[in-house]
Amino acid sequence: MNDSSPACQDKFRRYRARKKAAGLREIRMWVPNVDAPGFWERSVRAAAILRNAPEEEKTMLFIEALQASDPEAWD
């Protein structure tokens, strides 16, 4: 469903202008597709590599800080 009509483009242009005026910035990001073949196998393998590695504690503290939405704890 790709509506590239001028009316639709203008609607999104106005939307983006309102967001920008509110002090926000648009970003686009690619994230892993959890439904992709092999995703869970790669995730389990990555977790196994990290388990008991010297950086495990620092990595887990970082992840927990992200989950808690505590930017001060991200360092």
PDB file of N, CA and C in Angstrom:
ATOM      1  N   MET A   1       0.844  -1.171   0.000  1.00  0.00           N
ATOM      2  CA  MET A   1       0.000   0.000   0.000  1.00  0.00           C
ATOM      3  C   MET A   1       0.890   1.235   0.000  1.00  0.00           C
ATOM      4  N   ASN A   2       1.339   1.629  -1.191  1.00  0.00           N
ATOM      5  CA  ASN A   2       2.234   2.756  -1.334  1.00  0.00           C
ATOM      6  C   ASN A   2       1.518   3.868  -2.066  1.00  0.00           C
ATOM      7  N   ASP A   3       0.991   4.830  -1.332  1.00  0.00           N
ATOM      8  CA  ASP A   3       0.263   5.952  -1.925  1.00  0.00           C
ATOM      9  C   ASP A   3       1.232   7.105  -2.118  1.00  0.00           C
ATOM     10  N   SER A   4       1.684   7.276  -3.350  1.00  0.00           N
ATOM     11  CA  SER A   4       2.639   8.346  -3.631  1.00  0.00           C
ATOM     12  C   SER A   4       1.959   9.527  -4.315  1.00  0.00           C
ATOM     13  N   SER A   5       0.646   9.641  -4.111  1.00  0.00           N
ATOM     14  CA  SER A   5      -0.086  10.745  -4.711  1.00  0.00           C
ATOM     15  C   SER A   5       0.377  12.065  -4.093  1.00  0.00           C
ATOM     16  N   PRO A   6       0.252  13.176  -4.830  1.00  0.00           N
ATOM     17  CA  PRO A   6       0.655  14.477  -4.287  1.00  0.00           C
ATOM     18  C   PRO A   6      -0.060  14.820  -2.974  1.00  0.00           C
ATOM     19  N   ALA A   7      -1.331  14.446  -2.849  1.00  0.00           N
ATOM     20  CA  ALA A   7      -2.075  14.749  -1.619  1.00  0.00           C
ATOM     21  C   ALA A   7      -1.476  14.014  -0.431  1.00  0.00           C
ATOM     22  N   CYS A   8      -1.111  12.769  -0.638  1.00  0.00           N
ATOM     23  CA  CYS A   8      -0.518  11.970   0.441  1.00  0.00           C
ATOM     24  C   CYS A   8       0.865  12.506   0.792  1.00  0.00           C
ATOM     25  N   GLN A   9       1.652  12.844  -0.211  1.00  0.00           N
ATOM     26  CA  GLN A   9       2.979  13.395   0.041  1.00  0.00           C
ATOM     27  C   GLN A   9       2.883  14.700   0.823  1.00  0.00           C
ATOM     28  N   ASP A  10       1.910  15.537   0.469  1.00  0.00           N
ATOM     29  CA  ASP A  10       1.723  16.815   1.160  1.00  0.00           C
ATOM     30  C   ASP A  10       1.310  16.585   2.613  1.00  0.00           C
ATOM     31  N   LYS A  11       0.467  15.588   2.845  1.00  0.00           N
ATOM     32  CA  LYS A  11       0.037  15.251   4.207  1.00  0.00           C
ATOM     33  C   LYS A  11       1.239  14.901   5.078  1.00  0.00           C
ATOM     34  N   PHE A  12       2.144  14.059   4.557  1.00  0.00           N
ATOM     35  CA  PHE A  12       3.310  13.661   5.329  1.00  0.00           C
ATOM     36  C   PHE A  12       4.317  14.806   5.461  1.00  0.00           C
ATOM     37  N   ARG A  13       4.396  15.669   4.451  1.00  0.00           N
ATOM     38  CA  ARG A  13       5.279  16.832   4.537  1.00  0.00           C
ATOM     39  C   ARG A  13       4.823  17.739   5.676  1.00  0.00           C
ATOM     40  N   ARG A  14       3.508  17.956   5.778  1.00  0.00           N
ATOM     41  CA  ARG A  14       2.970  18.788   6.879  1.00  0.00           C
ATOM     42  C   ARG A  14       3.187  18.112   8.228  1.00  0.00           C
ATOM     43  N   TYR A  15       2.990  16.818   8.287  1.00  0.00           N
ATOM     44  CA  TYR A  15       3.195  16.060   9.521  1.00  0.00           C
ATOM     45  C   TYR A  15       4.640  16.207   9.988  1.00  0.00           C
ATOM     46  N   ARG A  16       5.579  15.998   9.059  1.00  0.00           N
ATOM     47  CA  ARG A  16       6.998  16.114   9.418  1.00  0.00           C
ATOM     48  C   ARG A  16       7.345  17.539   9.846  1.00  0.00           C
ATOM     49  N   ALA A  17       6.770  18.525   9.202  1.00  0.00           N
ATOM     50  CA  ALA A  17       7.026  19.925   9.580  1.00  0.00           C
ATOM     51  C   ALA A  17       6.532  20.194  11.000  1.00  0.00           C
ATOM     52  N   ARG A  18       5.363  19.658  11.360  1.00  0.00           N
ATOM     53  CA  ARG A  18       4.851  19.844  12.733  1.00  0.00           C
ATOM     54  C   ARG A  18       5.771  19.186  13.749  1.00  0.00           C
ATOM     55  N   LYS A  19       6.227  17.990  13.451  1.00  0.00           N
ATOM     56  CA  LYS A  19       7.130  17.289  14.367  1.00  0.00           C
ATOM     57  C   LYS A  19       8.449  18.046  14.514  1.00  0.00           C
ATOM     58  N   LYS A  20       8.988  18.539  13.407  1.00  0.00           N
ATOM     59  CA  LYS A  20      10.232  19.296  13.440  1.00  0.00           C
ATOM     60  C   LYS A  20      10.053  20.580  14.245  1.00  0.00           C
ATOM     61  N   ALA A  21       8.927  21.252  14.059  1.00  0.00           N
ATOM     62  CA  ALA A  21       8.646  22.479  14.813  1.00  0.00           C
ATOM     63  C   ALA A  21       8.525  22.194  16.309  1.00  0.00           C
ATOM     64  N   ALA A  22       8.142  20.971  16.652  1.00  0.00           N
ATOM     65  CA  ALA A  22       8.019  20.582  18.059  1.00  0.00           C
ATOM     66  C   ALA A  22       9.374  20.177  18.644  1.00  0.00           C
ATOM     67  N   GLY A  23      10.447  20.305  17.835  1.00  0.00           N
ATOM     68  CA  GLY A  23      11.774  19.985  18.338  1.00  0.00           C
ATOM     69  C   GLY A  23      12.174  18.539  18.158  1.00  0.00           C
ATOM     70  N   LEU A  24      11.462  17.801  17.321  1.00  0.00           N
ATOM     71  CA  LEU A  24      11.777  16.391  17.090  1.00  0.00           C
ATOM     72  C   LEU A  24      12.535  16.238  15.777  1.00  0.00           C
ATOM     73  N   ARG A  25      13.219  15.123  15.656  1.00  0.00           N
ATOM     74  CA  ARG A  25      14.004  14.828  14.462  1.00  0.00           C
ATOM     75  C   ARG A  25      13.653  13.420  13.999  1.00  0.00           C
ATOM     76  N   GLU A  26      13.411  13.276  12.712  1.00  0.00           N
ATOM     77  CA  GLU A  26      13.075  11.962  12.163  1.00  0.00           C
ATOM     78  C   GLU A  26      14.345  11.151  11.941  1.00  0.00           C
ATOM     79  N   ILE A  27      14.293   9.902  12.363  1.00  0.00           N
ATOM     80  CA  ILE A  27      15.376   8.976  12.060  1.00  0.00           C
ATOM     81  C   ILE A  27      14.756   7.710  11.488  1.00  0.00           C
ATOM     82  N   ARG A  28      15.530   7.011  10.717  1.00  0.00           N
ATOM     83  CA  ARG A  28      15.080   5.732  10.181  1.00  0.00           C
ATOM     84  C   ARG A  28      16.100   4.693  10.604  1.00  0.00           C
ATOM     85  N   MET A  29      15.599   3.566  10.996  1.00  0.00           N
ATOM     86  CA  MET A  29      16.480   2.554  11.560  1.00  0.00           C
ATOM     87  C   MET A  29      16.048   1.172  11.102  1.00  0.00           C
ATOM     88  N   TRP A  30      17.022   0.369  10.754  1.00  0.00           N
ATOM     89  CA  TRP A  30      16.767  -1.025  10.435  1.00  0.00           C
ATOM     90  C   TRP A  30      16.998  -1.843  11.697  1.00  0.00           C
ATOM     91  N   VAL A  31      16.089  -2.726  11.993  1.00  0.00           N
ATOM     92  CA  VAL A  31      16.202  -3.581  13.177  1.00  0.00           C
ATOM     93  C   VAL A  31      16.076  -5.039  12.743  1.00  0.00           C
ATOM     94  N   PRO A  32      16.594  -5.961  13.557  1.00  0.00           N
ATOM     95  CA  PRO A  32      16.498  -7.374  13.184  1.00  0.00           C
ATOM     96  C   PRO A  32      15.045  -7.831  13.037  1.00  0.00           C
ATOM     97  N   ASN A  33      14.814  -8.661  12.053  1.00  0.00           N
ATOM     98  CA  ASN A  33      13.498  -9.244  11.819  1.00  0.00           C
ATOM     99  C   ASN A  33      13.416 -10.547  12.597  1.00  0.00           C
ATOM    100  N   VAL A  34      12.663 -10.542  13.675  1.00  0.00           N
ATOM    101  CA  VAL A  34      12.579 -11.740  14.522  1.00  0.00           C
ATOM    102  C   VAL A  34      11.883 -12.893  13.817  1.00  0.00           C
ATOM    103  N   ASP A  35      11.230 -12.631  12.706  1.00  0.00           N
ATOM    104  CA  ASP A  35      10.571 -13.699  11.952  1.00  0.00           C
ATOM    105  C   ASP A  35      11.464 -14.277  10.852  1.00  0.00           C
ATOM    106  N   ALA A  36      12.657 -13.712  10.674  1.00  0.00           N
ATOM    107  CA  ALA A  36      13.553 -14.188   9.622  1.00  0.00           C
ATOM    108  C   ALA A  36      14.100 -15.567   9.983  1.00  0.00           C
ATOM    109  N   PRO A  37      14.289 -16.404   8.979  1.00  0.00           N
ATOM    110  CA  PRO A  37      14.862 -17.730   9.243  1.00  0.00           C
ATOM    111  C   PRO A  37      16.240 -17.589   9.903  1.00  0.00           C
ATOM    112  N   GLY A  38      16.457 -18.343  10.956  1.00  0.00           N
ATOM    113  CA  GLY A  38      17.746 -18.340  11.623  1.00  0.00           C
ATOM    114  C   GLY A  38      17.934 -17.279  12.686  1.00  0.00           C
ATOM    115  N   PHE A  39      16.956 -16.359  12.835  1.00  0.00           N
ATOM    116  CA  PHE A  39      17.126 -15.278  13.815  1.00  0.00           C
ATOM    117  C   PHE A  39      17.339 -15.826  15.223  1.00  0.00           C
ATOM    118  N   TRP A  40      16.474 -16.715  15.648  1.00  0.00           N
ATOM    119  CA  TRP A  40      16.551 -17.212  17.029  1.00  0.00           C
ATOM    120  C   TRP A  40      17.815 -18.035  17.250  1.00  0.00           C
ATOM    121  N   GLU A  41      18.231 -18.804  16.253  1.00  0.00           N
ATOM    122  CA  GLU A  41      19.457 -19.578  16.379  1.00  0.00           C
ATOM    123  C   GLU A  41      20.667 -18.658  16.549  1.00  0.00           C
ATOM    124  N   ARG A  42      20.723 -17.573  15.746  1.00  0.00           N
ATOM    125  CA  ARG A  42      21.819 -16.611  15.875  1.00  0.00           C
ATOM    126  C   ARG A  42      21.775 -15.906  17.217  1.00  0.00           C
ATOM    127  N   SER A  43      20.571 -15.598  17.711  1.00  0.00           N
ATOM    128  CA  SER A  43      20.434 -14.931  19.013  1.00  0.00           C
ATOM    129  C   SER A  43      20.930 -15.819  20.143  1.00  0.00           C
ATOM    130  N   VAL A  44      20.561 -17.085  20.097  1.00  0.00           N
ATOM    131  CA  VAL A  44      20.999 -18.029  21.134  1.00  0.00           C
ATOM    132  C   VAL A  44      22.516 -18.191  21.076  1.00  0.00           C
ATOM    133  N   ARG A  45      23.070 -18.275  19.862  1.00  0.00           N
ATOM    134  CA  ARG A  45      24.520 -18.418  19.711  1.00  0.00           C
ATOM    135  C   ARG A  45      25.246 -17.179  20.250  1.00  0.00           C
ATOM    136  N   ALA A  46      24.726 -15.980  19.968  1.00  0.00           N
ATOM    137  CA  ALA A  46      25.344 -14.743  20.459  1.00  0.00           C
ATOM    138  C   ALA A  46      25.278 -14.675  21.981  1.00  0.00           C
ATOM    139  N   ALA A  47      24.156 -15.093  22.559  1.00  0.00           N
ATOM    140  CA  ALA A  47      24.024 -15.099  24.022  1.00  0.00           C
ATOM    141  C   ALA A  47      24.988 -16.089  24.651  1.00  0.00           C
ATOM    142  N   ALA A  48      25.186 -17.231  24.004  1.00  0.00           N
ATOM    143  CA  ALA A  48      26.112 -18.233  24.537  1.00  0.00           C
ATOM    144  C   ALA A  48      27.545 -17.713  24.514  1.00  0.00           C
ATOM    145  N   ILE A  49      27.893 -16.965  23.479  1.00  0.00           N
ATOM    146  CA  ILE A  49      29.240 -16.387  23.391  1.00  0.00           C
ATOM    147  C   ILE A  49      29.451 -15.369  24.516  1.00  0.00           C
ATOM    148  N   LEU A  50      28.436 -14.589  24.802  1.00  0.00           N
ATOM    149  CA  LEU A  50      28.538 -13.561  25.838  1.00  0.00           C
ATOM    150  C   LEU A  50      28.549 -14.160  27.245  1.00  0.00           C
ATOM    151  N   ARG A  51      27.841 -15.277  27.433  1.00  0.00           N
ATOM    152  CA  ARG A  51      27.731 -15.882  28.756  1.00  0.00           C
ATOM    153  C   ARG A  51      29.109 -16.164  29.330  1.00  0.00           C
ATOM    154  N   ASN A  52      29.349 -15.642  30.516  1.00  0.00           N
ATOM    155  CA  ASN A  52      30.610 -15.799  31.252  1.00  0.00           C
ATOM    156  C   ASN A  52      31.805 -15.110  30.592  1.00  0.00           C
ATOM    157  N   ALA A  53      31.572 -14.288  29.579  1.00  0.00           N
ATOM    158  CA  ALA A  53      32.661 -13.512  28.982  1.00  0.00           C
ATOM    159  C   ALA A  53      32.963 -12.324  29.902  1.00  0.00           C
ATOM    160  N   PRO A  54      34.173 -11.789  29.860  1.00  0.00           N
ATOM    161  CA  PRO A  54      34.538 -10.669  30.730  1.00  0.00           C
ATOM    162  C   PRO A  54      33.598  -9.465  30.593  1.00  0.00           C
ATOM    163  N   GLU A  55      33.059  -9.225  29.404  1.00  0.00           N
ATOM    164  CA  GLU A  55      32.186  -8.067  29.198  1.00  0.00           C
ATOM    165  C   GLU A  55      30.711  -8.343  29.490  1.00  0.00           C
ATOM    166  N   GLU A  56      30.386  -9.538  29.966  1.00  0.00           N
ATOM    167  CA  GLU A  56      28.987  -9.893  30.210  1.00  0.00           C
ATOM    168  C   GLU A  56      28.327  -8.944  31.209  1.00  0.00           C
ATOM    169  N   GLU A  57      28.975  -8.692  32.336  1.00  0.00           N
ATOM    170  CA  GLU A  57      28.347  -7.861  33.370  1.00  0.00           C
ATOM    171  C   GLU A  57      28.085  -6.444  32.866  1.00  0.00           C
ATOM    172  N   LYS A  58      29.074  -5.858  32.191  1.00  0.00           N
ATOM    173  CA  LYS A  58      28.898  -4.505  31.659  1.00  0.00           C
ATOM    174  C   LYS A  58      27.769  -4.470  30.625  1.00  0.00           C
ATOM    175  N   THR A  59      27.725  -5.484  29.778  1.00  0.00           N
ATOM    176  CA  THR A  59      26.678  -5.551  28.755  1.00  0.00           C
ATOM    177  C   THR A  59      25.302  -5.695  29.393  1.00  0.00           C
ATOM    178  N   MET A  60      25.182  -6.552  30.398  1.00  0.00           N
ATOM    179  CA  MET A  60      23.889  -6.741  31.066  1.00  0.00           C
ATOM    180  C   MET A  60      23.455  -5.476  31.796  1.00  0.00           C
ATOM    181  N   LEU A  61      24.378  -4.768  32.419  1.00  0.00           N
ATOM    182  CA  LEU A  61      24.030  -3.507  33.085  1.00  0.00           C
ATOM    183  C   LEU A  61      23.524  -2.493  32.067  1.00  0.00           C
ATOM    184  N   PHE A  62      24.151  -2.455  30.894  1.00  0.00           N
ATOM    185  CA  PHE A  62      23.723  -1.549  29.824  1.00  0.00           C
ATOM    186  C   PHE A  62      22.308  -1.899  29.363  1.00  0.00           C
ATOM    187  N   ILE A  63      22.055  -3.180  29.136  1.00  0.00           N
ATOM    188  CA  ILE A  63      20.724  -3.614  28.684  1.00  0.00           C
ATOM    189  C   ILE A  63      19.668  -3.286  29.736  1.00  0.00           C
ATOM    190  N   GLU A  64      19.978  -3.538  31.004  1.00  0.00           N
ATOM    191  CA  GLU A  64      19.027  -3.235  32.072  1.00  0.00           C
ATOM    192  C   GLU A  64      18.768  -1.736  32.179  1.00  0.00           C
ATOM    193  N   ALA A  65      19.793  -0.918  31.955  1.00  0.00           N
ATOM    194  CA  ALA A  65      19.610   0.531  31.979  1.00  0.00           C
ATOM    195  C   ALA A  65      18.694   0.968  30.840  1.00  0.00           C
ATOM    196  N   LEU A  66      18.862   0.359  29.660  1.00  0.00           N
ATOM    197  CA  LEU A  66      17.985   0.681  28.530  1.00  0.00           C
ATOM    198  C   LEU A  66      16.535   0.319  28.857  1.00  0.00           C
ATOM    199  N   GLN A  67      16.351  -0.849  29.447  1.00  0.00           N
ATOM    200  CA  GLN A  67      15.002  -1.289  29.786  1.00  0.00           C
ATOM    201  C   GLN A  67      14.374  -0.369  30.824  1.00  0.00           C
ATOM    202  N   ALA A  68      15.187   0.165  31.730  1.00  0.00           N
ATOM    203  CA  ALA A  68      14.687   1.038  32.770  1.00  0.00           C
ATOM    204  C   ALA A  68      14.558   2.479  32.279  1.00  0.00           C
ATOM    205  N   SER A  69      14.960   2.724  31.025  1.00  0.00           N
ATOM    206  CA  SER A  69      14.955   4.077  30.448  1.00  0.00           C
ATOM    207  C   SER A  69      15.722   5.046  31.337  1.00  0.00           C
ATOM    208  N   ASP A  70      16.917   4.645  31.739  1.00  0.00           N
ATOM    209  CA  ASP A  70      17.757   5.461  32.598  1.00  0.00           C
ATOM    210  C   ASP A  70      19.025   5.850  31.836  1.00  0.00           C
ATOM    211  N   PRO A  71      18.978   6.924  31.028  1.00  0.00           N
ATOM    212  CA  PRO A  71      20.132   7.304  30.226  1.00  0.00           C
ATOM    213  C   PRO A  71      21.385   7.577  31.061  1.00  0.00           C
ATOM    214  N   GLU A  72      21.235   7.983  32.305  1.00  0.00           N
ATOM    215  CA  GLU A  72      22.395   8.239  33.161  1.00  0.00           C
ATOM    216  C   GLU A  72      23.195   6.968  33.401  1.00  0.00           C
ATOM    217  N   ALA A  73      22.548   5.826  33.356  1.00  0.00           N
ATOM    218  CA  ALA A  73      23.214   4.555  33.633  1.00  0.00           C
ATOM    219  C   ALA A  73      23.800   3.925  32.377  1.00  0.00           C
ATOM    220  N   TRP A  74      23.698   4.587  31.227  1.00  0.00           N
ATOM    221  CA  TRP A  74      24.158   4.006  29.970  1.00  0.00           C
ATOM    222  C   TRP A  74      25.678   3.957  29.862  1.00  0.00           C
ATOM    223  N   ASP A  75      26.388   4.719  30.643  1.00  0.00           N
ATOM    224  CA  ASP A  75      27.864   4.785  30.498  1.00  0.00           C
ATOM    225  C   ASP A  75      28.547   3.565  30.995  1.00  0.00           C
TER     226      ASP A  75
END
